[in-house]
Amino acid sequence: MSVSDKVPQASDRVEHMQRFRSREAWHVLKIMAEFVESTEALSEISPAVSIFGSARTPRAHGYYKLTEEIARRLSDAGFSVISGGGPGIMEAASKGAFFGKSPSVGLNIQLPHEQKPNEYQDLSLSFNHFFSRKVMFVKHAVAYVVMPGGFGTLDEMFEALTLVQTGKSRKIPIILVGRAFWQGLLDWFQAQLVAEGMIAADDMQLIQLIDEPGEIVEAIFRHYEMRGFEALPEEREQLLNL
């Protein structure tokens, strides 16, 4: 066999590209369907709070128990609770809301490992794509509660901060829970990002650090006490352009 025998012929390359483009076009339609189906399913859960956190936190851990209490208090206060639908902190959030007065919503992601839907979901949606899932976390929440977590949690937190900072999303409470866990990162924000002019000093006001479950609920109500939870007309336009 010669080298030329291993090189794809022009006709083979053209056929391959045609097949790929057909698959790509179909994939775009599947993404659109994912957005449409999830938007319709989540349209009736307002007001809702999204809770982010690690999938790896064991049930006996203090973070798990704290998340469960926060979610239960939010649910009893009238907020649907949106979580990632998986294990760890996500399960704790789902469980707390499930046994509360308002719906527990799980936005599950299909992964090779770690993500198995937990049993505490009144409404369970499944996503193939992280980006469409993140849009739903943002679009349907009046506040974000960020528990300790890894890369996925940081990704979701920074996505929320970026959208609010840049005006692509309405300004809502972004609450970090776990002072011992988050304080070092906030100190770095101040010492590096603010000091170097990478963010404005006022951008630090986008973040609240609160450990007490009752204070978290109070902070969310306080943010909305003069205006209500419904998105204003200009905010609805923002949410259309996430």
Protein backbone atom coordinates (compact mmCIF):
# COMPACT_ATOMS: atom_id res chain seq x y z
CA MET A 1 0.00 0.00 0.00
CA SER A 2 1.39 3.40 -0.98
CA VAL A 3 1.02 6.70 0.86
CA SER A 4 -1.39 7.91 -1.83
CA ASP A 5 -3.72 5.01 -1.01
CA LYS A 6 -4.20 6.41 2.51
CA VAL A 7 -5.03 9.98 1.42
CA PRO A 8 -8.80 10.55 1.09
CA GLN A 9 -9.91 11.32 -2.41
CA ALA A 10 -11.54 14.68 -3.15
CA SER A 11 -14.94 13.07 -3.68
CA ASP A 12 -14.70 11.31 -0.31
CA ARG A 13 -13.84 14.59 1.43
CA VAL A 14 -16.79 16.36 -0.17
CA GLU A 15 -19.15 13.57 0.85
CA HIS A 16 -17.82 13.63 4.40
CA MET A 17 -18.29 17.39 4.67
CA GLN A 18 -21.84 17.14 3.35
CA ARG A 19 -22.70 14.51 5.95
CA PHE A 20 -21.10 16.60 8.69
CA ARG A 21 -23.01 19.75 7.69
CA SER A 22 -26.28 17.84 7.67
CA ARG A 23 -25.57 16.54 11.17
CA GLU A 24 -24.54 20.04 12.30
CA ALA A 25 -27.78 21.58 11.01
CA TRP A 26 -29.80 18.90 12.81
CA HIS A 27 -27.79 19.54 15.97
CA VAL A 28 -28.70 23.25 15.85
CA LEU A 29 -32.38 22.29 15.67
CA LYS A 30 -31.95 20.05 18.72
CA ILE A 31 -30.39 22.97 20.63
CA MET A 32 -33.35 25.19 19.68
CA ALA A 33 -35.75 22.50 20.87
CA GLU A 34 -33.89 22.28 24.19
CA PHE A 35 -34.35 26.03 24.73
CA VAL A 36 -38.02 25.99 23.72
CA GLU A 37 -38.98 22.98 25.85
CA SER A 38 -37.17 24.17 28.96
CA THR A 39 -38.48 27.74 28.68
CA GLU A 40 -42.04 26.48 28.41
CA ALA A 41 -41.60 24.08 31.34
CA LEU A 42 -40.11 26.76 33.61
CA SER A 43 -42.51 29.56 32.75
CA GLU A 44 -44.77 28.89 35.76
CA ILE A 45 -42.23 28.52 38.60
CA SER A 46 -41.66 32.19 39.44
CA PRO A 47 -40.34 33.45 41.77
CA ALA A 48 -37.42 31.05 41.89
CA VAL A 49 -33.94 30.99 43.41
CA SER A 50 -31.07 29.05 41.83
CA ILE A 51 -28.72 27.21 44.18
CA PHE A 52 -25.29 26.11 42.90
CA GLY A 53 -22.78 23.82 44.61
CA SER A 54 -20.57 20.76 44.40
CA ALA A 55 -21.81 17.40 43.15
CA ARG A 56 -19.20 15.71 45.37
CA THR A 57 -20.30 16.87 48.81
CA PRO A 58 -21.33 13.85 50.96
CA ARG A 59 -24.67 13.80 52.76
CA ALA A 60 -23.05 13.90 56.19
CA HIS A 61 -21.11 17.09 55.41
CA GLY A 62 -22.08 20.36 57.04
CA TYR A 63 -22.42 22.05 53.65
CA TYR A 64 -25.05 19.49 52.64
CA LYS A 65 -27.10 20.07 55.78
CA LEU A 66 -26.76 23.85 55.49
CA THR A 67 -27.90 23.77 51.86
CA GLU A 68 -30.90 21.65 52.77
CA GLU A 69 -31.92 24.15 55.44
CA ILE A 70 -31.49 27.13 53.11
CA ALA A 71 -33.56 25.47 50.40
CA ARG A 72 -36.30 24.51 52.85
CA ARG A 73 -36.52 28.08 54.14
CA LEU A 74 -36.65 29.48 50.61
CA SER A 75 -39.33 26.98 49.62
CA ASP A 76 -41.44 27.74 52.68
CA ALA A 77 -41.06 31.47 51.94
CA GLY A 78 -42.65 30.95 48.52
CA PHE A 79 -39.62 30.51 46.23
CA SER A 80 -39.26 27.62 43.83
CA VAL A 81 -35.73 26.27 44.18
CA ILE A 82 -33.72 25.49 41.04
CA SER A 83 -30.70 23.21 41.38
CA GLY A 84 -28.59 21.13 39.05
CA GLY A 85 -30.65 18.05 39.87
CA GLY A 86 -27.68 15.81 40.65
CA PRO A 87 -25.99 14.56 43.85
CA GLY A 88 -24.14 16.46 46.58
CA ILE A 89 -25.15 20.07 47.16
CA MET A 90 -27.59 19.82 44.28
CA GLU A 91 -29.40 16.97 46.03
CA ALA A 92 -29.45 18.90 49.30
CA ALA A 93 -31.06 21.88 47.56
CA SER A 94 -33.62 19.65 45.84
CA LYS A 95 -34.40 17.81 49.08
CA GLY A 96 -34.90 20.94 51.15
CA ALA A 97 -37.26 22.40 48.56
CA PHE A 98 -39.05 19.10 47.96
CA PHE A 99 -40.20 18.95 51.57
CA GLY A 100 -41.08 22.64 51.60
CA LYS A 101 -44.12 24.45 50.26
CA SER A 102 -42.81 25.40 46.80
CA PRO A 103 -41.55 23.32 43.85
CA SER A 104 -38.15 21.68 43.64
CA VAL A 105 -36.77 22.07 40.11
CA GLY A 106 -33.81 20.09 38.76
CA LEU A 107 -31.91 21.12 35.63
CA ASN A 108 -30.01 17.91 34.99
CA ILE A 109 -27.05 17.65 32.62
CA GLN A 110 -26.14 14.48 30.75
CA LEU A 111 -22.53 13.61 31.67
CA PRO A 112 -20.32 10.51 31.46
CA HIS A 113 -19.98 10.55 35.27
CA GLU A 114 -21.13 12.30 38.46
CA GLN A 115 -24.55 13.42 37.23
CA LYS A 116 -27.34 11.06 38.22
CA PRO A 117 -30.71 12.75 38.86
CA ASN A 118 -31.68 12.85 42.51
CA GLU A 119 -35.12 11.75 43.69
CA TYR A 120 -36.25 15.07 45.18
CA GLN A 121 -37.52 16.87 42.09
CA ASP A 122 -41.06 18.06 41.43
CA LEU A 123 -39.97 19.19 37.98
CA SER A 124 -37.00 17.50 36.32
CA LEU A 125 -35.50 18.66 33.02
CA SER A 126 -32.58 17.09 31.16
CA PHE A 127 -30.03 19.05 29.12
CA ASN A 128 -27.35 17.96 26.67
CA HIS A 129 -25.60 21.34 26.62
CA PHE A 130 -24.13 23.31 29.50
CA PHE A 131 -24.78 26.66 27.84
CA SER A 132 -28.54 26.20 27.43
CA ARG A 133 -28.77 24.88 30.99
CA LYS A 134 -26.92 27.95 32.32
CA VAL A 135 -29.30 30.26 30.50
CA MET A 136 -32.22 28.62 32.32
CA PHE A 137 -30.48 29.04 35.68
CA VAL A 138 -30.12 32.75 34.99
CA LYS A 139 -33.33 33.53 33.13
CA HIS A 140 -35.75 32.09 35.67
CA ALA A 141 -34.10 33.10 38.96
CA VAL A 142 -34.62 36.18 41.11
CA ALA A 143 -31.48 35.36 43.14
CA TYR A 144 -28.47 33.04 43.12
CA VAL A 145 -27.22 31.22 46.18
CA VAL A 146 -23.72 29.84 45.64
CA MET A 147 -22.53 27.11 47.98
CA PRO A 148 -18.96 25.75 48.05
CA GLY A 149 -18.10 23.86 44.88
CA GLY A 150 -15.60 23.16 42.14
CA PHE A 151 -15.11 24.20 38.53
CA GLY A 152 -18.78 23.84 37.62
CA THR A 153 -19.90 25.98 40.54
CA LEU A 154 -17.28 28.63 39.76
CA ASP A 155 -18.34 28.62 36.12
CA GLU A 156 -21.98 29.22 37.06
CA MET A 157 -21.04 31.93 39.57
CA PHE A 158 -18.80 33.81 37.15
CA GLU A 159 -21.41 33.50 34.40
CA ALA A 160 -23.98 35.15 36.69
CA LEU A 161 -21.56 37.88 37.78
CA THR A 162 -20.55 38.64 34.20
CA LEU A 163 -24.12 38.89 32.95
CA VAL A 164 -25.15 41.20 35.79
CA GLN A 165 -21.96 43.30 35.59
CA THR A 166 -22.31 43.84 31.84
CA GLY A 167 -26.03 44.58 31.95
CA LYS A 168 -26.97 41.49 29.94
CA SER A 169 -29.07 40.31 32.88
CA ARG A 170 -31.05 42.19 35.51
CA LYS A 171 -29.33 42.98 38.79
CA ILE A 172 -30.28 40.33 41.33
CA PRO A 173 -28.77 39.14 44.63
CA ILE A 174 -25.72 36.87 44.20
CA ILE A 175 -25.12 35.35 47.62
CA LEU A 176 -22.06 33.27 48.51
CA VAL A 177 -22.48 30.92 51.47
CA GLY A 178 -19.49 29.71 53.48
CA ARG A 179 -17.21 32.53 54.62
CA ALA A 180 -14.28 30.21 55.33
CA PHE A 181 -14.54 28.81 51.80
CA TRP A 182 -15.05 32.04 49.82
CA GLN A 183 -13.22 34.74 51.76
CA GLY A 184 -9.83 34.01 50.18
CA LEU A 185 -11.29 34.38 46.69
CA LEU A 186 -12.99 37.67 47.59
CA ASP A 187 -9.74 38.96 49.10
CA TRP A 188 -8.00 38.07 45.82
CA PHE A 189 -10.69 39.92 43.85
CA GLN A 190 -9.95 43.02 45.93
CA ALA A 191 -6.17 42.70 45.94
CA GLN A 192 -5.78 41.79 42.27
CA LEU A 193 -8.85 42.53 40.15
CA VAL A 194 -9.82 45.83 41.79
CA ALA A 195 -6.23 46.94 42.44
CA GLU A 196 -5.20 46.22 38.84
CA GLY A 197 -8.29 47.91 37.42
CA MET A 198 -9.66 44.67 35.96
CA ILE A 199 -13.01 45.34 37.64
CA ALA A 200 -14.45 48.46 39.26
CA ALA A 201 -14.48 48.74 43.03
CA ASP A 202 -18.29 48.94 42.86
CA ASP A 203 -18.40 45.51 41.18
CA MET A 204 -17.62 43.97 44.54
CA GLN A 205 -21.07 45.14 45.64
CA LEU A 206 -22.60 42.58 43.27
CA ILE A 207 -21.60 39.85 45.75
CA GLN A 208 -22.98 39.24 49.22
CA LEU A 209 -21.37 36.85 51.70
CA ILE A 210 -23.99 35.44 54.09
CA ASP A 211 -23.86 32.26 56.17
CA GLU A 212 -27.16 32.29 58.08
CA PRO A 213 -30.14 30.71 56.24
CA GLY A 214 -32.63 33.19 57.68
CA GLU A 215 -30.47 36.15 56.65
CA ILE A 216 -30.26 34.80 53.10
CA VAL A 217 -34.05 34.79 52.77
CA GLU A 218 -34.23 38.27 54.31
CA ALA A 219 -31.59 39.63 51.90
CA ILE A 220 -33.59 38.43 48.90
CA PHE A 221 -36.84 39.95 50.17
CA ARG A 222 -35.02 43.18 51.04
CA HIS A 223 -33.70 43.49 47.48
CA TYR A 224 -37.22 43.30 46.05
CA GLU A 225 -39.26 45.06 48.75
CA MET A 226 -39.68 48.27 46.72
CA ARG A 227 -40.44 46.69 43.36
CA GLY A 228 -41.73 43.10 43.55
CA PHE A 229 -40.32 39.96 41.95
CA GLU A 230 -41.82 40.37 38.47
CA ALA A 231 -39.30 41.45 35.84
CA LEU A 232 -39.74 45.05 34.73
CA PRO A 233 -40.35 45.71 30.99
CA GLU A 234 -36.72 46.70 30.37
CA GLU A 235 -35.54 43.63 32.30
CA ARG A 236 -37.67 41.36 30.14
CA GLU A 237 -35.84 42.79 27.14
CA GLN A 238 -32.53 42.01 28.83
CA LEU A 239 -33.60 38.42 29.46
CA LEU A 240 -34.53 38.02 25.80
CA ASN A 241 -30.96 38.88 24.86
CA LEU A 242 -29.02 36.70 27.30
